Amino acid sequence: MDVIALGETMMQFTPESEGLMRHAATYTAKIAGAETNTLIGLARLGHNTGWISKVGNDEFGHKILMAVRGEGVDTSQTRMDPSFPTGTFFKEIVREGEVRIQYYRENSAASKLSTDDLDESYFAGVKYLFITGITPALSKSAKEAIFYSIELAKKNDLIVVFDPNIRKKLWSESEAKKALIEIAKHADIVLPGKSEGDFLFGTDDPKQIADSFLRLGASLVVVKLGDKGAYYSQRKTTGFVPGFKVPKIVDPVGAGDSFAAGLLSGLIDNESIPDAVKRGCAMGAMAVMVKGDYEGLPDKKRLKQFMSQDPQEDILR
């Protein structure tokens, strides 16, 4: 296995019309979760990935498992819980470029994740553990599961990759800061955005954000800068990789997860840090051109064509 991840995936409902959701009559149902977005992106690029989680023993749970398995992600460590439902959320597209999210995930099956749901043997031989700041916000037991997954990763020589991915609706700011800083202290690679740097350290300057995480113990920090690209920093090396221009941003949600998939793919393929970051930027750009969190993600052939800015119509449509 190249990458395993721990986290919740939910059913996502999006109105088929733009505007306030109160006026919507019909909805499109899809699956969405930061961790599975990244795992699916990696699987499409030819990497072996696995997902640790819980879903409800309901039709939504079956749909999620069917979709994630269908994308080539191993779901042997995802359990169906008969006592709690699959989480859901609504993605309201008020107008182009303005997206609002409403969660219904309290007491979801995934919020009941605990240390008992982690099998140490599943970590053996894996290269990377990917975690986000969403999972520890779900519940006390889910937070304990995250820290236990880090412990198992360190014990089995996995590289821990952490995307802070702050969800202020799920917990208090003080609790979030304390937990995310503590997780960052154990992470090898951290992938923050400017807003997350501002939340945790009071600065949106990419260099200061990176330096702050490096001081906590990370060996590589990549600060995502949206369409502008990304800034990366190691102990002795820093750099900036510009983003890719796209004809139109259709749906910005999921771009960060796609970036993580591209970056990890590059690292797995033993590319240099700048080239791996460039792959991350390309994946993020391709994600925003299509509705849905992961639907626009490419295989390696399409990714290579996009990164070369090949003018073929089927790439940029």
C-alpha atoms as a PDB file:
ATOM      1  CA  MET A   1       0.000   0.000   0.000  1.00  0.00           C
ATOM      2  CA  ASP A   2       1.299   3.476  -0.879  1.00  0.00           C
ATOM      3  CA  VAL A   3      -1.072   5.646   1.159  1.00  0.00           C
ATOM      4  CA  ILE A   4      -3.708   4.961   3.810  1.00  0.00           C
ATOM      5  CA  ALA A   5      -6.029   7.543   5.345  1.00  0.00           C
ATOM      6  CA  LEU A   6      -8.391   7.806   8.292  1.00  0.00           C
ATOM      7  CA  GLY A   7     -11.518   9.970   8.073  1.00  0.00           C
ATOM      8  CA  GLU A   8     -15.194  10.443   7.341  1.00  0.00           C
ATOM      9  CA  THR A   9     -16.891  10.381   3.961  1.00  0.00           C
ATOM     10  CA  MET A  10     -20.479  11.577   3.703  1.00  0.00           C
ATOM     11  CA  MET A  11     -23.338  11.867   1.280  1.00  0.00           C
ATOM     12  CA  GLN A  12     -23.345  15.247  -0.412  1.00  0.00           C
ATOM     13  CA  PHE A  13     -26.521  16.821  -1.799  1.00  0.00           C
ATOM     14  CA  THR A  14     -26.248  19.749  -4.189  1.00  0.00           C
ATOM     15  CA  PRO A  15     -29.198  21.712  -5.609  1.00  0.00           C
ATOM     16  CA  GLU A  16     -29.406  21.442  -9.377  1.00  0.00           C
ATOM     17  CA  SER A  17     -30.142  25.165  -9.515  1.00  0.00           C
ATOM     18  CA  GLU A  18     -27.975  28.008  -8.277  1.00  0.00           C
ATOM     19  CA  GLY A  19     -29.193  30.429  -5.641  1.00  0.00           C
ATOM     20  CA  LEU A  20     -30.373  30.037  -2.064  1.00  0.00           C
ATOM     21  CA  MET A  21     -31.130  26.441  -1.136  1.00  0.00           C
ATOM     22  CA  ARG A  22     -34.597  27.376   0.125  1.00  0.00           C
ATOM     23  CA  HIS A  23     -35.659  27.698  -3.487  1.00  0.00           C
ATOM     24  CA  ALA A  24     -34.214  24.361  -4.617  1.00  0.00           C
ATOM     25  CA  ALA A  25     -36.560  21.590  -5.727  1.00  0.00           C
ATOM     26  CA  THR A  26     -34.164  18.919  -6.973  1.00  0.00           C
ATOM     27  CA  TYR A  27     -30.768  17.754  -5.758  1.00  0.00           C
ATOM     28  CA  THR A  28     -27.847  15.713  -7.044  1.00  0.00           C
ATOM     29  CA  ALA A  29     -26.426  13.116  -4.639  1.00  0.00           C
ATOM     30  CA  LYS A  30     -22.686  12.418  -4.563  1.00  0.00           C
ATOM     31  CA  ILE A  31     -20.125  11.199  -2.055  1.00  0.00           C
ATOM     32  CA  ALA A  32     -17.554  13.527  -0.527  1.00  0.00           C
ATOM     33  CA  GLY A  33     -14.802  13.369   2.060  1.00  0.00           C
ATOM     34  CA  ALA A  34     -11.400  15.024   2.197  1.00  0.00           C
ATOM     35  CA  GLU A  35      -9.524  11.777   2.804  1.00  0.00           C
ATOM     36  CA  THR A  36     -11.302   9.725   0.142  1.00  0.00           C
ATOM     37  CA  ASN A  37     -10.956  12.603  -2.346  1.00  0.00           C
ATOM     38  CA  THR A  38      -7.200  12.332  -1.906  1.00  0.00           C
ATOM     39  CA  LEU A  39      -7.173   8.533  -1.979  1.00  0.00           C
ATOM     40  CA  ILE A  40      -9.303   8.427  -5.130  1.00  0.00           C
ATOM     41  CA  GLY A  41      -7.026  10.984  -6.786  1.00  0.00           C
ATOM     42  CA  LEU A  42      -4.027   8.793  -5.964  1.00  0.00           C
ATOM     43  CA  ALA A  43      -5.767   5.631  -7.148  1.00  0.00           C
ATOM     44  CA  ARG A  44      -6.551   7.234 -10.499  1.00  0.00           C
ATOM     45  CA  LEU A  45      -2.845   7.998 -10.840  1.00  0.00           C
ATOM     46  CA  GLY A  46      -2.042   4.317 -10.370  1.00  0.00           C
ATOM     47  CA  HIS A  47      -1.161   4.201  -6.661  1.00  0.00           C
ATOM     48  CA  ASN A  48      -2.383   1.692  -4.076  1.00  0.00           C
ATOM     49  CA  THR A  49      -4.535   3.304  -1.379  1.00  0.00           C
ATOM     50  CA  GLY A  50      -6.611   2.220   1.594  1.00  0.00           C
ATOM     51  CA  TRP A  51      -9.334   3.876   3.684  1.00  0.00           C
ATOM     52  CA  ILE A  52     -10.056   3.424   7.396  1.00  0.00           C
ATOM     53  CA  SER A  53     -13.485   4.617   8.506  1.00  0.00           C
ATOM     54  CA  LYS A  54     -17.080   3.849   9.436  1.00  0.00           C
ATOM     55  CA  VAL A  55     -20.343   4.363   7.579  1.00  0.00           C
ATOM     56  CA  GLY A  56     -23.885   3.612   8.605  1.00  0.00           C
ATOM     57  CA  ASN A  57     -25.452   0.288   7.710  1.00  0.00           C
ATOM     58  CA  ASP A  58     -27.858   2.141   5.435  1.00  0.00           C
ATOM     59  CA  GLU A  59     -28.256   2.835   1.734  1.00  0.00           C
ATOM     60  CA  PHE A  60     -26.003   5.882   1.927  1.00  0.00           C
ATOM     61  CA  GLY A  61     -23.303   3.758   3.537  1.00  0.00           C
ATOM     62  CA  HIS A  62     -23.644   1.155   0.803  1.00  0.00           C
ATOM     63  CA  LYS A  63     -23.447   3.859  -1.868  1.00  0.00           C
ATOM     64  CA  ILE A  64     -20.264   5.316  -0.389  1.00  0.00           C
ATOM     65  CA  LEU A  65     -18.545   1.936  -0.124  1.00  0.00           C
ATOM     66  CA  MET A  66     -19.593   1.024  -3.645  1.00  0.00           C
ATOM     67  CA  ALA A  67     -18.249   4.303  -5.048  1.00  0.00           C
ATOM     68  CA  VAL A  68     -14.935   4.280  -3.156  1.00  0.00           C
ATOM     69  CA  ARG A  69     -14.283   0.615  -3.972  1.00  0.00           C
ATOM     70  CA  GLY A  70     -15.204   1.307  -7.574  1.00  0.00           C
ATOM     71  CA  GLU A  71     -12.429   3.898  -7.746  1.00  0.00           C
ATOM     72  CA  GLY A  72      -9.863   1.291  -6.723  1.00  0.00           C
ATOM     73  CA  VAL A  73      -9.456   2.231  -3.043  1.00  0.00           C
ATOM     74  CA  ASP A  74      -9.240  -0.637  -0.556  1.00  0.00           C
ATOM     75  CA  THR A  75     -12.163  -0.470   1.907  1.00  0.00           C
ATOM     76  CA  SER A  76     -11.410  -3.587   3.941  1.00  0.00           C
ATOM     77  CA  GLN A  77     -10.892  -1.392   7.022  1.00  0.00           C
ATOM     78  CA  THR A  78     -14.150   0.539   6.642  1.00  0.00           C
ATOM     79  CA  ARG A  79     -16.921  -0.907   8.777  1.00  0.00           C
ATOM     80  CA  MET A  80     -20.691  -0.554   8.558  1.00  0.00           C
ATOM     81  CA  ASP A  81     -22.229   0.496  11.882  1.00  0.00           C
ATOM     82  CA  PRO A  82     -25.838  -0.606  12.446  1.00  0.00           C
ATOM     83  CA  SER A  83     -26.337   1.801  15.360  1.00  0.00           C
ATOM     84  CA  PHE A  84     -25.486   5.153  13.752  1.00  0.00           C
ATOM     85  CA  PRO A  85     -26.255   6.708  10.348  1.00  0.00           C
ATOM     86  CA  THR A  86     -24.008   7.849   7.536  1.00  0.00           C
ATOM     87  CA  GLY A  87     -23.273  11.563   7.734  1.00  0.00           C
ATOM     88  CA  THR A  88     -24.730  13.953   5.165  1.00  0.00           C
ATOM     89  CA  PHE A  89     -24.178  17.543   4.072  1.00  0.00           C
ATOM     90  CA  PHE A  90     -25.552  20.050   1.593  1.00  0.00           C
ATOM     91  CA  LYS A  91     -23.408  22.114  -0.771  1.00  0.00           C
ATOM     92  CA  GLU A  92     -25.239  25.316  -1.609  1.00  0.00           C
ATOM     93  CA  ILE A  93     -23.928  27.050  -4.738  1.00  0.00           C
ATOM     94  CA  VAL A  94     -25.295  30.544  -4.220  1.00  0.00           C
ATOM     95  CA  ARG A  95     -23.625  31.825  -7.368  1.00  0.00           C
ATOM     96  CA  GLU A  96     -20.462  31.159  -9.326  1.00  0.00           C
ATOM     97  CA  GLY A  97     -17.529  31.175  -6.920  1.00  0.00           C
ATOM     98  CA  GLU A  98     -19.669  31.285  -3.740  1.00  0.00           C
ATOM     99  CA  VAL A  99     -20.237  27.907  -2.104  1.00  0.00           C
ATOM    100  CA  ARG A 100     -21.707  27.311   1.354  1.00  0.00           C
ATOM    101  CA  ILE A 101     -21.724  24.035   3.282  1.00  0.00           C
ATOM    102  CA  GLN A 102     -24.299  22.798   5.822  1.00  0.00           C
ATOM    103  CA  TYR A 103     -23.336  19.633   7.752  1.00  0.00           C
ATOM    104  CA  TYR A 104     -25.573  16.987   9.317  1.00  0.00           C
ATOM    105  CA  ARG A 105     -22.907  14.754  10.817  1.00  0.00           C
ATOM    106  CA  GLU A 106     -23.464  14.811  14.584  1.00  0.00           C
ATOM    107  CA  ASN A 107     -23.599  11.226  15.905  1.00  0.00           C
ATOM    108  CA  SER A 108     -22.716   9.864  12.479  1.00  0.00           C
ATOM    109  CA  ALA A 109     -21.136   6.426  12.241  1.00  0.00           C
ATOM    110  CA  ALA A 110     -17.732   7.960  11.469  1.00  0.00           C
ATOM    111  CA  SER A 111     -17.927  10.175  14.550  1.00  0.00           C
ATOM    112  CA  LYS A 112     -17.831   6.947  16.553  1.00  0.00           C
ATOM    113  CA  LEU A 113     -14.406   6.015  15.197  1.00  0.00           C
ATOM    114  CA  SER A 114     -12.127   4.872  18.008  1.00  0.00           C
ATOM    115  CA  THR A 115      -8.765   3.256  18.603  1.00  0.00           C
ATOM    116  CA  ASP A 116     -10.505  -0.137  18.428  1.00  0.00           C
ATOM    117  CA  ASP A 117     -11.123   0.450  14.726  1.00  0.00           C
ATOM    118  CA  LEU A 118      -7.410   0.527  13.875  1.00  0.00           C
ATOM    119  CA  ASP A 119      -5.588  -2.692  13.020  1.00  0.00           C
ATOM    120  CA  GLU A 120      -1.830  -2.306  13.375  1.00  0.00           C
ATOM    121  CA  SER A 121      -1.173  -4.977  10.753  1.00  0.00           C
ATOM    122  CA  TYR A 122      -2.816  -2.714   8.159  1.00  0.00           C
ATOM    123  CA  PHE A 123      -0.016  -0.180   8.662  1.00  0.00           C
ATOM    124  CA  ALA A 124       2.785  -2.635   7.909  1.00  0.00           C
ATOM    125  CA  GLY A 125       4.619  -1.907   4.674  1.00  0.00           C
ATOM    126  CA  VAL A 126       2.682   1.308   3.936  1.00  0.00           C
ATOM    127  CA  LYS A 127       4.587   4.415   2.822  1.00  0.00           C
ATOM    128  CA  TYR A 128       2.348   7.290   3.914  1.00  0.00           C
ATOM    129  CA  LEU A 129      -0.441   7.989   6.415  1.00  0.00           C
ATOM    130  CA  PHE A 130      -2.650  10.891   5.313  1.00  0.00           C
ATOM    131  CA  ILE A 131      -4.747  12.648   7.970  1.00  0.00           C
ATOM    132  CA  THR A 132      -6.661  15.916   8.173  1.00  0.00           C
ATOM    133  CA  GLY A 133      -7.838  18.266  10.895  1.00  0.00           C
ATOM    134  CA  ILE A 134     -11.434  17.260  10.213  1.00  0.00           C
ATOM    135  CA  THR A 135     -11.386  13.830  11.856  1.00  0.00           C
ATOM    136  CA  PRO A 136     -10.261  14.924  15.351  1.00  0.00           C
ATOM    137  CA  ALA A 137     -13.085  17.484  15.341  1.00  0.00           C
ATOM    138  CA  LEU A 138     -15.764  14.785  15.030  1.00  0.00           C
ATOM    139  CA  SER A 139     -15.587  13.449  18.599  1.00  0.00           C
ATOM    140  CA  LYS A 140     -13.279  12.637  21.483  1.00  0.00           C
ATOM    141  CA  SER A 141     -12.939   9.022  20.332  1.00  0.00           C
ATOM    142  CA  ALA A 142     -12.171  10.105  16.747  1.00  0.00           C
ATOM    143  CA  LYS A 143      -9.455  12.447  18.027  1.00  0.00           C
ATOM    144  CA  GLU A 144      -7.980   9.582  20.047  1.00  0.00           C
ATOM    145  CA  ALA A 145      -8.069   7.433  16.903  1.00  0.00           C
ATOM    146  CA  ILE A 146      -6.079  10.066  14.997  1.00  0.00           C
ATOM    147  CA  PHE A 147      -3.346  10.173  17.627  1.00  0.00           C
ATOM    148  CA  TYR A 148      -3.279   6.384  17.780  1.00  0.00           C
ATOM    149  CA  SER A 149      -2.955   6.205  13.989  1.00  0.00           C
ATOM    150  CA  ILE A 150       0.073   8.518  14.251  1.00  0.00           C
ATOM    151  CA  GLU A 151       1.539   6.256  16.920  1.00  0.00           C
ATOM    152  CA  LEU A 152       1.066   3.196  14.699  1.00  0.00           C
ATOM    153  CA  ALA A 153       2.518   5.079  11.730  1.00  0.00           C
ATOM    154  CA  LYS A 154       5.656   6.019  13.632  1.00  0.00           C
ATOM    155  CA  LYS A 155       6.009   2.475  14.932  1.00  0.00           C
ATOM    156  CA  ASN A 156       5.812   1.089  11.388  1.00  0.00           C
ATOM    157  CA  ASP A 157       7.981   3.789   9.713  1.00  0.00           C
ATOM    158  CA  LEU A 158       5.232   5.532   7.769  1.00  0.00           C
ATOM    159  CA  ILE A 159       5.588   9.176   6.764  1.00  0.00           C
ATOM    160  CA  VAL A 160       2.765  11.174   8.373  1.00  0.00           C
ATOM    161  CA  VAL A 161       1.158  13.757   6.077  1.00  0.00           C
ATOM    162  CA  PHE A 162      -1.142  16.292   7.724  1.00  0.00           C
ATOM    163  CA  ASP A 163      -3.573  18.727   6.101  1.00  0.00           C
ATOM    164  CA  PRO A 164      -4.980  20.962   8.894  1.00  0.00           C
ATOM    165  CA  ASN A 165      -8.214  21.446   6.909  1.00  0.00           C
ATOM    166  CA  ILE A 166      -9.937  23.459   9.640  1.00  0.00           C
ATOM    167  CA  ARG A 167     -13.700  23.109  10.130  1.00  0.00           C
ATOM    168  CA  LYS A 168     -14.695  25.819  12.601  1.00  0.00           C
ATOM    169  CA  LYS A 169     -18.313  24.623  12.680  1.00  0.00           C
ATOM    170  CA  LEU A 170     -17.273  21.355  14.315  1.00  0.00           C
ATOM    171  CA  TRP A 171     -15.459  22.594  17.433  1.00  0.00           C
ATOM    172  CA  SER A 172     -14.345  25.639  19.390  1.00  0.00           C
ATOM    173  CA  GLU A 173     -11.398  27.680  18.162  1.00  0.00           C
ATOM    174  CA  SER A 174      -9.393  27.048  21.318  1.00  0.00           C
ATOM    175  CA  GLU A 175      -9.902  23.282  21.127  1.00  0.00           C
ATOM    176  CA  ALA A 176      -9.094  23.275  17.415  1.00  0.00           C
ATOM    177  CA  LYS A 177      -5.847  25.209  17.847  1.00  0.00           C
ATOM    178  CA  LYS A 178      -4.651  22.990  20.671  1.00  0.00           C
ATOM    179  CA  ALA A 179      -5.388  19.733  18.843  1.00  0.00           C
ATOM    180  CA  LEU A 180      -4.088  20.809  15.429  1.00  0.00           C
ATOM    181  CA  ILE A 181      -0.831  22.132  16.858  1.00  0.00           C
ATOM    182  CA  GLU A 182      -0.341  18.867  18.748  1.00  0.00           C
ATOM    183  CA  ILE A 183      -0.952  16.805  15.597  1.00  0.00           C
ATOM    184  CA  ALA A 184       1.427  19.021  13.626  1.00  0.00           C
ATOM    185  CA  LYS A 185       4.175  18.270  16.155  1.00  0.00           C
ATOM    186  CA  HIS A 186       4.044  14.620  15.062  1.00  0.00           C
ATOM    187  CA  ALA A 187       3.663  15.191  11.311  1.00  0.00           C
ATOM    188  CA  ASP A 188       6.498  14.812   8.807  1.00  0.00           C
ATOM    189  CA  ILE A 189       4.775  16.747   5.998  1.00  0.00           C
ATOM    190  CA  VAL A 190       2.230  19.535   6.589  1.00  0.00           C
ATOM    191  CA  LEU A 191      -0.016  21.015   3.877  1.00  0.00           C
ATOM    192  CA  PRO A 192      -1.646  24.203   5.199  1.00  0.00           C
ATOM    193  CA  GLY A 193      -3.403  27.013   3.386  1.00  0.00           C
ATOM    194  CA  LYS A 194      -2.954  30.705   4.169  1.00  0.00           C
ATOM    195  CA  SER A 195      -6.188  30.854   6.173  1.00  0.00           C
ATOM    196  CA  GLU A 196      -5.044  27.924   8.317  1.00  0.00           C
ATOM    197  CA  GLY A 197      -1.722  29.620   8.948  1.00  0.00           C
ATOM    198  CA  ASP A 198      -3.554  32.753  10.004  1.00  0.00           C
ATOM    199  CA  PHE A 199      -5.812  30.742  12.331  1.00  0.00           C
ATOM    200  CA  LEU A 200      -2.976  28.830  13.986  1.00  0.00           C
ATOM    201  CA  PHE A 201      -0.143  31.365  13.986  1.00  0.00           C
ATOM    202  CA  GLY A 202      -1.696  34.766  13.301  1.00  0.00           C
ATOM    203  CA  THR A 203      -0.009  35.239   9.910  1.00  0.00           C
ATOM    204  CA  ASP A 204      -0.904  34.610   6.279  1.00  0.00           C
ATOM    205  CA  ASP A 205       2.682  35.014   5.091  1.00  0.00           C
ATOM    206  CA  PRO A 206       3.692  31.686   3.463  1.00  0.00           C
ATOM    207  CA  LYS A 207       7.287  31.819   4.743  1.00  0.00           C
ATOM    208  CA  GLN A 208       6.230  32.542   8.316  1.00  0.00           C
ATOM    209  CA  ILE A 209       3.598  29.783   8.167  1.00  0.00           C
ATOM    210  CA  ALA A 210       6.140  27.273   6.877  1.00  0.00           C
ATOM    211  CA  ASP A 211       8.737  28.310   9.448  1.00  0.00           C
ATOM    212  CA  SER A 212       6.183  27.885  12.236  1.00  0.00           C
ATOM    213  CA  PHE A 213       5.399  24.312  11.232  1.00  0.00           C
ATOM    214  CA  LEU A 214       9.085  23.502  10.730  1.00  0.00           C
ATOM    215  CA  ARG A 215       9.766  24.659  14.271  1.00  0.00           C
ATOM    216  CA  LEU A 216       7.088  22.237  15.487  1.00  0.00           C
ATOM    217  CA  GLY A 217       9.012  19.366  13.881  1.00  0.00           C
ATOM    218  CA  ALA A 218       7.863  18.956  10.266  1.00  0.00           C
ATOM    219  CA  SER A 219      10.524  18.097   7.680  1.00  0.00           C
ATOM    220  CA  LEU A 220       8.535  19.546   4.732  1.00  0.00           C
ATOM    221  CA  VAL A 221       5.809  22.203   4.643  1.00  0.00           C
ATOM    222  CA  VAL A 222       3.905  23.103   1.494  1.00  0.00           C
ATOM    223  CA  VAL A 223       1.673  26.177   1.793  1.00  0.00           C
ATOM    224  CA  LYS A 224      -1.184  26.107  -0.713  1.00  0.00           C
ATOM    225  CA  LEU A 225      -1.787  29.485  -2.375  1.00  0.00           C
ATOM    226  CA  GLY A 226      -4.800  28.674  -4.554  1.00  0.00           C
ATOM    227  CA  ASP A 227      -4.490  29.609  -8.205  1.00  0.00           C
ATOM    228  CA  LYS A 228      -1.199  31.374  -7.482  1.00  0.00           C
ATOM    229  CA  GLY A 229       0.563  28.055  -6.773  1.00  0.00           C
ATOM    230  CA  ALA A 230       2.374  26.868  -3.652  1.00  0.00           C
ATOM    231  CA  TYR A 231       5.341  27.726  -1.434  1.00  0.00           C
ATOM    232  CA  TYR A 232       7.443  24.879  -0.068  1.00  0.00           C
ATOM    233  CA  SER A 233      10.061  24.846   2.664  1.00  0.00           C
ATOM    234  CA  GLN A 234      12.445  22.324   4.167  1.00  0.00           C
ATOM    235  CA  ARG A 235      15.255  22.916   6.637  1.00  0.00           C
ATOM    236  CA  LYS A 236      17.683  24.191   4.001  1.00  0.00           C
ATOM    237  CA  THR A 237      15.558  24.589   0.877  1.00  0.00           C
ATOM    238  CA  THR A 238      12.636  26.842  -0.021  1.00  0.00           C
ATOM    239  CA  GLY A 239      10.879  27.616  -3.258  1.00  0.00           C
ATOM    240  CA  PHE A 240       7.735  28.740  -5.036  1.00  0.00           C
ATOM    241  CA  VAL A 241       5.866  26.817  -7.726  1.00  0.00           C
ATOM    242  CA  PRO A 242       3.357  28.813  -9.809  1.00  0.00           C
ATOM    243  CA  GLY A 243      -0.167  27.542 -10.359  1.00  0.00           C
ATOM    244  CA  PHE A 244      -1.833  26.517 -13.596  1.00  0.00           C
ATOM    245  CA  LYS A 245      -4.268  28.764 -15.413  1.00  0.00           C
ATOM    246  CA  VAL A 246      -7.715  27.312 -16.057  1.00  0.00           C
ATOM    247  CA  PRO A 247     -10.414  28.622 -18.412  1.00  0.00           C
ATOM    248  CA  LYS A 248     -13.068  28.740 -15.674  1.00  0.00           C
ATOM    249  CA  ILE A 249     -13.411  27.788 -12.012  1.00  0.00           C
ATOM    250  CA  VAL A 250     -16.571  25.711 -11.837  1.00  0.00           C
ATOM    251  CA  ASP A 251     -16.348  24.293  -8.300  1.00  0.00           C
ATOM    252  CA  PRO A 252     -13.498  25.148  -5.888  1.00  0.00           C
ATOM    253  CA  VAL A 253     -14.379  22.535  -3.246  1.00  0.00           C
ATOM    254  CA  GLY A 254     -11.919  19.644  -3.151  1.00  0.00           C
ATOM    255  CA  ALA A 255      -8.995  21.511  -4.707  1.00  0.00           C
ATOM    256  CA  GLY A 256      -6.843  21.100  -1.588  1.00  0.00           C
ATOM    257  CA  ASP A 257      -7.531  17.367  -1.410  1.00  0.00           C
ATOM    258  CA  SER A 258      -6.586  17.044  -5.068  1.00  0.00           C
ATOM    259  CA  PHE A 259      -3.402  19.021  -4.435  1.00  0.00           C
ATOM    260  CA  ALA A 260      -2.467  16.531  -1.710  1.00  0.00           C
ATOM    261  CA  ALA A 261      -3.040  13.648  -4.121  1.00  0.00           C
ATOM    262  CA  GLY A 262      -0.787  15.206  -6.741  1.00  0.00           C
ATOM    263  CA  LEU A 263       1.971  16.030  -4.279  1.00  0.00           C
ATOM    264  CA  LEU A 264       1.958  12.549  -2.735  1.00  0.00           C
ATOM    265  CA  SER A 265       1.915  10.970  -6.180  1.00  0.00           C
ATOM    266  CA  GLY A 266       5.033  12.902  -7.088  1.00  0.00           C
ATOM    267  CA  LEU A 267       6.777  11.888  -3.882  1.00  0.00           C
ATOM    268  CA  ILE A 268       5.846   8.226  -4.376  1.00  0.00           C
ATOM    269  CA  ASP A 269       7.309   8.443  -7.887  1.00  0.00           C
ATOM    270  CA  ASN A 270      10.536   9.865  -6.397  1.00  0.00           C
ATOM    271  CA  GLU A 271      10.194  13.240  -8.075  1.00  0.00           C
ATOM    272  CA  SER A 272      12.000  16.277  -6.687  1.00  0.00           C
ATOM    273  CA  ILE A 273      10.070  18.457  -4.226  1.00  0.00           C
ATOM    274  CA  PRO A 274       9.448  21.224  -6.823  1.00  0.00           C
ATOM    275  CA  ASP A 275       8.168  18.691  -9.373  1.00  0.00           C
ATOM    276  CA  ALA A 276       5.944  16.989  -6.801  1.00  0.00           C
ATOM    277  CA  VAL A 277       4.511  20.374  -5.790  1.00  0.00           C
ATOM    278  CA  LYS A 278       3.940  21.170  -9.461  1.00  0.00           C
ATOM    279  CA  ARG A 279       1.976  17.929  -9.820  1.00  0.00           C
ATOM    280  CA  GLY A 280      -0.083  18.979  -6.812  1.00  0.00           C
ATOM    281  CA  CYS A 281      -0.837  22.360  -8.388  1.00  0.00           C
ATOM    282  CA  ALA A 282      -1.925  20.661 -11.603  1.00  0.00           C
ATOM    283  CA  MET A 283      -4.265  18.272  -9.790  1.00  0.00           C
ATOM    284  CA  GLY A 284      -5.829  21.154  -7.877  1.00  0.00           C
ATOM    285  CA  ALA A 285      -6.371  23.088 -11.095  1.00  0.00           C
ATOM    286  CA  MET A 286      -8.003  20.139 -12.850  1.00  0.00           C
ATOM    287  CA  ALA A 287     -10.320  19.567  -9.875  1.00  0.00           C
ATOM    288  CA  VAL A 288     -11.854  23.059  -9.952  1.00  0.00           C
ATOM    289  CA  MET A 289     -12.882  22.820 -13.614  1.00  0.00           C
ATOM    290  CA  VAL A 290     -15.526  20.158 -12.931  1.00  0.00           C
ATOM    291  CA  LYS A 291     -18.503  20.015 -10.562  1.00  0.00           C
ATOM    292  CA  GLY A 292     -17.833  17.639  -7.698  1.00  0.00           C
ATOM    293  CA  ASP A 293     -14.997  17.095  -5.273  1.00  0.00           C
ATOM    294  CA  TYR A 294     -13.060  14.448  -7.219  1.00  0.00           C
ATOM    295  CA  GLU A 295     -14.951  13.901 -10.471  1.00  0.00           C
ATOM    296  CA  GLY A 296     -12.504  16.012 -12.495  1.00  0.00           C
ATOM    297  CA  LEU A 297      -9.387  14.185 -11.349  1.00  0.00           C
ATOM    298  CA  PRO A 298      -7.304  12.608 -14.124  1.00  0.00           C
ATOM    299  CA  ASP A 299      -5.304   9.479 -14.763  1.00  0.00           C
ATOM    300  CA  LYS A 300      -1.567   9.920 -15.387  1.00  0.00           C
ATOM    301  CA  LYS A 301      -1.929  10.345 -19.140  1.00  0.00           C
ATOM    302  CA  ARG A 302      -4.410  13.219 -18.834  1.00  0.00           C
ATOM    303  CA  LEU A 303      -2.392  14.778 -16.025  1.00  0.00           C
ATOM    304  CA  LYS A 304       0.759  14.744 -18.156  1.00  0.00           C
ATOM    305  CA  GLN A 305      -1.096  16.334 -21.062  1.00  0.00           C
ATOM    306  CA  PHE A 306      -2.507  19.062 -18.813  1.00  0.00           C
ATOM    307  CA  MET A 307       0.858  19.788 -17.208  1.00  0.00           C
ATOM    308  CA  SER A 308       2.416  20.242 -20.622  1.00  0.00           C
ATOM    309  CA  GLN A 309      -0.445  22.671 -21.389  1.00  0.00           C
ATOM    310  CA  ASP A 310      -1.364  20.511 -24.366  1.00  0.00           C
ATOM    311  CA  PRO A 311      -4.097  22.438 -26.223  1.00  0.00           C
ATOM    312  CA  GLN A 312      -6.162  19.309 -26.915  1.00  0.00           C
ATOM    313  CA  GLU A 313      -9.822  20.189 -26.537  1.00  0.00           C
ATOM    314  CA  ASP A 314     -10.680  17.186 -24.385  1.00  0.00           C
ATOM    315  CA  ILE A 315      -8.204  18.330 -21.722  1.00  0.00           C
ATOM    316  CA  LEU A 316      -9.408  21.880 -21.214  1.00  0.00           C
ATOM    317  CA  ARG A 317     -13.121  21.464 -21.692  1.00  0.00           C
END
